[in-house]
C-alpha atoms as a PDB file:
ATOM      1  CA  GLN A   1      90.136  98.498 113.018  1.00  0.00           C
ATOM      2  CA  VAL A   2      87.168  96.292 114.316  1.00  0.00           C
ATOM      3  CA  GLN A   3      84.376  96.110 111.872  1.00  0.00           C
ATOM      4  CA  LEU A   4      80.965  94.251 111.832  1.00  0.00           C
ATOM      5  CA  VAL A   5      78.861  93.379 108.845  1.00  0.00           C
ATOM      6  CA  GLU A   6      75.451  91.783 108.944  1.00  0.00           C
ATOM      7  CA  SER A   7      73.677  89.780 106.372  1.00  0.00           C
ATOM      8  CA  GLY A   8      70.765  87.920 105.941  1.00  0.00           C
ATOM      9  CA  GLY A   9      67.824  90.432 106.129  1.00  0.00           C
ATOM     10  CA  GLY A  10      65.002  90.590 103.658  1.00  0.00           C
ATOM     11  CA  LEU A  11      61.095  89.974 103.526  1.00  0.00           C
ATOM     12  CA  VAL A  12      59.491  87.293 105.425  1.00  0.00           C
ATOM     13  CA  ASN A  13      55.926  86.099 105.835  1.00  0.00           C
ATOM     14  CA  PRO A  14      54.312  86.372 109.273  1.00  0.00           C
ATOM     15  CA  GLY A  15      55.117  83.095 110.865  1.00  0.00           C
ATOM     16  CA  GLY A  16      58.165  82.637 108.721  1.00  0.00           C
ATOM     17  CA  SER A  17      61.707  82.331 109.504  1.00  0.00           C
ATOM     18  CA  LEU A  18      64.848  84.326 108.958  1.00  0.00           C
ATOM     19  CA  ASN A  19      68.514  83.854 109.823  1.00  0.00           C
ATOM     20  CA  LEU A  20      70.666  86.886 110.368  1.00  0.00           C
ATOM     21  CA  SER A  21      74.494  86.602 110.328  1.00  0.00           C
ATOM     22  CA  CYS A  22      77.119  89.055 111.478  1.00  0.00           C
ATOM     23  CA  ILE A  23      80.719  88.745 110.791  1.00  0.00           C
ATOM     24  CA  ILE A  24      83.555  90.480 112.747  1.00  0.00           C
ATOM     25  CA  SER A  25      86.845  91.464 111.179  1.00  0.00           C
ATOM     26  CA  GLY A  26      90.040  93.198 112.825  1.00  0.00           C
ATOM     27  CA  ASP A  27      89.831  91.389 116.071  1.00  0.00           C
ATOM     28  CA  ASN A  28      88.829  87.871 117.641  1.00  0.00           C
ATOM     29  CA  ILE A  29      85.170  87.876 118.226  1.00  0.00           C
ATOM     30  CA  ASP A  30      85.863  85.837 121.604  1.00  0.00           C
ATOM     31  CA  ASN A  31      87.148  89.171 123.000  1.00  0.00           C
ATOM     32  CA  TYR A  32      83.454  90.276 122.714  1.00  0.00           C
ATOM     33  CA  VAL A  33      80.153  90.006 124.176  1.00  0.00           C
ATOM     34  CA  MET A  34      77.851  90.066 121.162  1.00  0.00           C
ATOM     35  CA  GLY A  35      74.399  91.457 120.898  1.00  0.00           C
ATOM     36  CA  TRP A  36      71.656  92.295 118.346  1.00  0.00           C
ATOM     37  CA  PHE A  37      69.534  95.346 118.642  1.00  0.00           C
ATOM     38  CA  ARG A  38      66.655  96.650 116.260  1.00  0.00           C
ATOM     39  CA  GLN A  39      65.420 100.005 115.305  1.00  0.00           C
ATOM     40  CA  VAL A  40      62.427 101.288 113.559  1.00  0.00           C
ATOM     41  CA  PRO A  41      62.058 104.909 112.082  1.00  0.00           C
ATOM     42  CA  GLY A  42      61.549 107.501 114.852  1.00  0.00           C
ATOM     43  CA  LYS A  43      62.105 105.156 117.812  1.00  0.00           C
ATOM     44  CA  GLU A  44      65.236 104.241 119.789  1.00  0.00           C
ATOM     45  CA  ARG A  45      67.444 101.363 119.036  1.00  0.00           C
ATOM     46  CA  MET A  46      66.097  98.387 121.234  1.00  0.00           C
ATOM     47  CA  PHE A  47      67.842  95.452 122.683  1.00  0.00           C
ATOM     48  CA  VAL A  48      66.803  92.166 121.052  1.00  0.00           C
ATOM     49  CA  ALA A  49      69.366  89.415 122.327  1.00  0.00           C
ATOM     50  CA  ALA A  50      73.058  89.052 123.640  1.00  0.00           C
ATOM     51  CA  ILE A  51      75.508  86.220 124.030  1.00  0.00           C
ATOM     52  CA  SER A  52      78.396  85.674 126.274  1.00  0.00           C
ATOM     53  CA  ARG A  53      81.770  85.185 125.216  1.00  0.00           C
ATOM     54  CA  ASN A  54      81.730  81.607 126.052  1.00  0.00           C
ATOM     55  CA  GLY A  55      78.413  81.349 124.366  1.00  0.00           C
ATOM     56  CA  ARG A  56      76.842  79.582 127.389  1.00  0.00           C
ATOM     57  CA  HIS A  57      74.858  82.692 128.649  1.00  0.00           C
ATOM     58  CA  THR A  58      72.177  84.115 126.417  1.00  0.00           C
ATOM     59  CA  ASP A  59      69.493  87.080 127.076  1.00  0.00           C
ATOM     60  CA  TYR A  60      66.528  88.092 125.191  1.00  0.00           C
ATOM     61  CA  THR A  61      64.018  90.745 125.237  1.00  0.00           C
ATOM     62  CA  ASP A  62      60.677  89.447 126.224  1.00  0.00           C
ATOM     63  CA  SER A  63      58.982  89.889 122.916  1.00  0.00           C
ATOM     64  CA  VAL A  64      61.412  87.578 121.244  1.00  0.00           C
ATOM     65  CA  GLN A  65      61.751  84.947 123.979  1.00  0.00           C
ATOM     66  CA  ALA A  66      61.210  81.704 122.661  1.00  0.00           C
ATOM     67  CA  ARG A  67      61.122  82.760 118.992  1.00  0.00           C
ATOM     68  CA  PHE A  68      64.588  84.007 118.498  1.00  0.00           C
ATOM     69  CA  SER A  69      67.813  82.166 119.001  1.00  0.00           C
ATOM     70  CA  ILE A  70      71.244  83.684 119.251  1.00  0.00           C
ATOM     71  CA  SER A  71      74.421  81.693 118.755  1.00  0.00           C
ATOM     72  CA  ARG A  72      78.030  82.365 118.108  1.00  0.00           C
ATOM     73  CA  ASP A  73      80.730  80.701 116.171  1.00  0.00           C
ATOM     74  CA  ASN A  74      84.089  81.930 117.499  1.00  0.00           C
ATOM     75  CA  VAL A  75      86.061  79.842 114.811  1.00  0.00           C
ATOM     76  CA  LYS A  76      84.227  81.702 111.936  1.00  0.00           C
ATOM     77  CA  ASN A  77      84.256  85.008 113.957  1.00  0.00           C
ATOM     78  CA  ALA A  78      80.306  85.167 113.675  1.00  0.00           C
ATOM     79  CA  VAL A  79      77.195  85.681 115.418  1.00  0.00           C
ATOM     80  CA  TYR A  80      73.980  84.516 114.326  1.00  0.00           C
ATOM     81  CA  LEU A  81      70.082  85.482 115.031  1.00  0.00           C
ATOM     82  CA  GLN A  82      67.644  82.807 114.143  1.00  0.00           C
ATOM     83  CA  MET A  83      64.184  84.227 113.781  1.00  0.00           C
ATOM     84  CA  HIS A  84      61.091  82.070 113.963  1.00  0.00           C
ATOM     85  CA  ARG A  85      57.498  82.650 113.920  1.00  0.00           C
ATOM     86  CA  ALA A  86      58.254  86.105 112.782  1.00  0.00           C
ATOM     87  CA  LYS A  87      55.607  88.803 113.512  1.00  0.00           C
ATOM     88  CA  PRO A  88      55.016  92.437 111.703  1.00  0.00           C
ATOM     89  CA  GLU A  89      56.072  93.936 115.005  1.00  0.00           C
ATOM     90  CA  ASP A  90      59.564  92.428 114.244  1.00  0.00           C
ATOM     91  CA  THR A  91      59.959  94.555 111.428  1.00  0.00           C
ATOM     92  CA  ALA A  92      62.984  96.806 111.748  1.00  0.00           C
ATOM     93  CA  VAL A  93      66.732  97.482 111.001  1.00  0.00           C
ATOM     94  CA  TYR A  94      68.539  94.960 112.665  1.00  0.00           C
ATOM     95  CA  TYR A  95      72.208  95.901 114.235  1.00  0.00           C
ATOM     96  CA  CYS A  96      74.848  93.523 115.397  1.00  0.00           C
ATOM     97  CA  ALA A  97      76.835  94.954 117.875  1.00  0.00           C
ATOM     98  CA  ALA A  98      80.313  93.980 120.238  1.00  0.00           C
ATOM     99  CA  ALA A  99      81.133  94.889 123.624  1.00  0.00           C
ATOM    100  CA  ALA A 100      84.761  94.218 124.789  1.00  0.00           C
ATOM    101  CA  THR A 101      84.964  92.384 128.203  1.00  0.00           C
ATOM    102  CA  ALA A 102      87.299  90.265 130.102  1.00  0.00           C
ATOM    103  CA  SER A 103      84.548  88.287 131.427  1.00  0.00           C
ATOM    104  CA  SER A 104      83.694  84.917 129.603  1.00  0.00           C
ATOM    105  CA  ILE A 105      79.907  85.037 131.153  1.00  0.00           C
ATOM    106  CA  GLN A 106      79.096  88.664 131.010  1.00  0.00           C
ATOM    107  CA  ILE A 107      76.177  89.759 128.796  1.00  0.00           C
ATOM    108  CA  SER A 108      74.590  93.148 128.587  1.00  0.00           C
ATOM    109  CA  ARG A 109      71.180  94.912 127.269  1.00  0.00           C
ATOM    110  CA  VAL A 110      72.651  98.249 127.426  1.00  0.00           C
ATOM    111  CA  ARG A 111      73.192 100.094 124.305  1.00  0.00           C
ATOM    112  CA  SER A 112      76.246 102.191 125.474  1.00  0.00           C
ATOM    113  CA  ARG A 113      77.892  99.178 126.799  1.00  0.00           C
ATOM    114  CA  TYR A 114      78.759  98.157 123.158  1.00  0.00           C
ATOM    115  CA  ASP A 115      81.762  99.513 121.382  1.00  0.00           C
ATOM    116  CA  TYR A 116      81.313  98.413 117.768  1.00  0.00           C
ATOM    117  CA  TRP A 117      78.386  98.524 115.590  1.00  0.00           C
ATOM    118  CA  GLY A 118      77.433  97.101 112.293  1.00  0.00           C
ATOM    119  CA  GLN A 119      75.629  98.951 109.415  1.00  0.00           C
ATOM    120  CA  GLY A 120      72.288  97.299 109.895  1.00  0.00           C
ATOM    121  CA  THR A 121      70.304  94.959 107.787  1.00  0.00           C
ATOM    122  CA  GLN A 122      66.514  95.565 107.165  1.00  0.00           C
ATOM    123  CA  VAL A 123      63.972  92.913 108.011  1.00  0.00           C
ATOM    124  CA  THR A 124      60.362  93.270 106.951  1.00  0.00           C
ATOM    125  CA  VAL A 125      57.662  90.980 108.202  1.00  0.00           C
ATOM    126  CA  SER A 126      54.779  91.012 105.639  1.00  0.00           C
ATOM    127  CA  SER A 127      52.414  89.171 103.721  1.00  0.00           C
END
């Protein structure tokens, strides 16, 4: 059974940095497009970033472009989200997700495209 476990969430000051990690077990991560989504109470889970199976293609929602960076290590079965210049509006529960695909270059922003989800990790940006 495929499982995703996020870590690295916590409290960060505005303008600070935080690194999130997600480890996948039960399968090889290189079978999946990997994505990060976030959700605040009462609102839909929203796309943040995604990375293709080969790691050469990435996509970001406009609000995090140039501040966040997604990467993956297929040897460690891990995907990462580096958050820089954090803003209070980045406060949310962050979820890691995996979408099975045969394509090495495909990426997706569509939540329903993703097959597996982690339990989420809370990120709070506040002074």
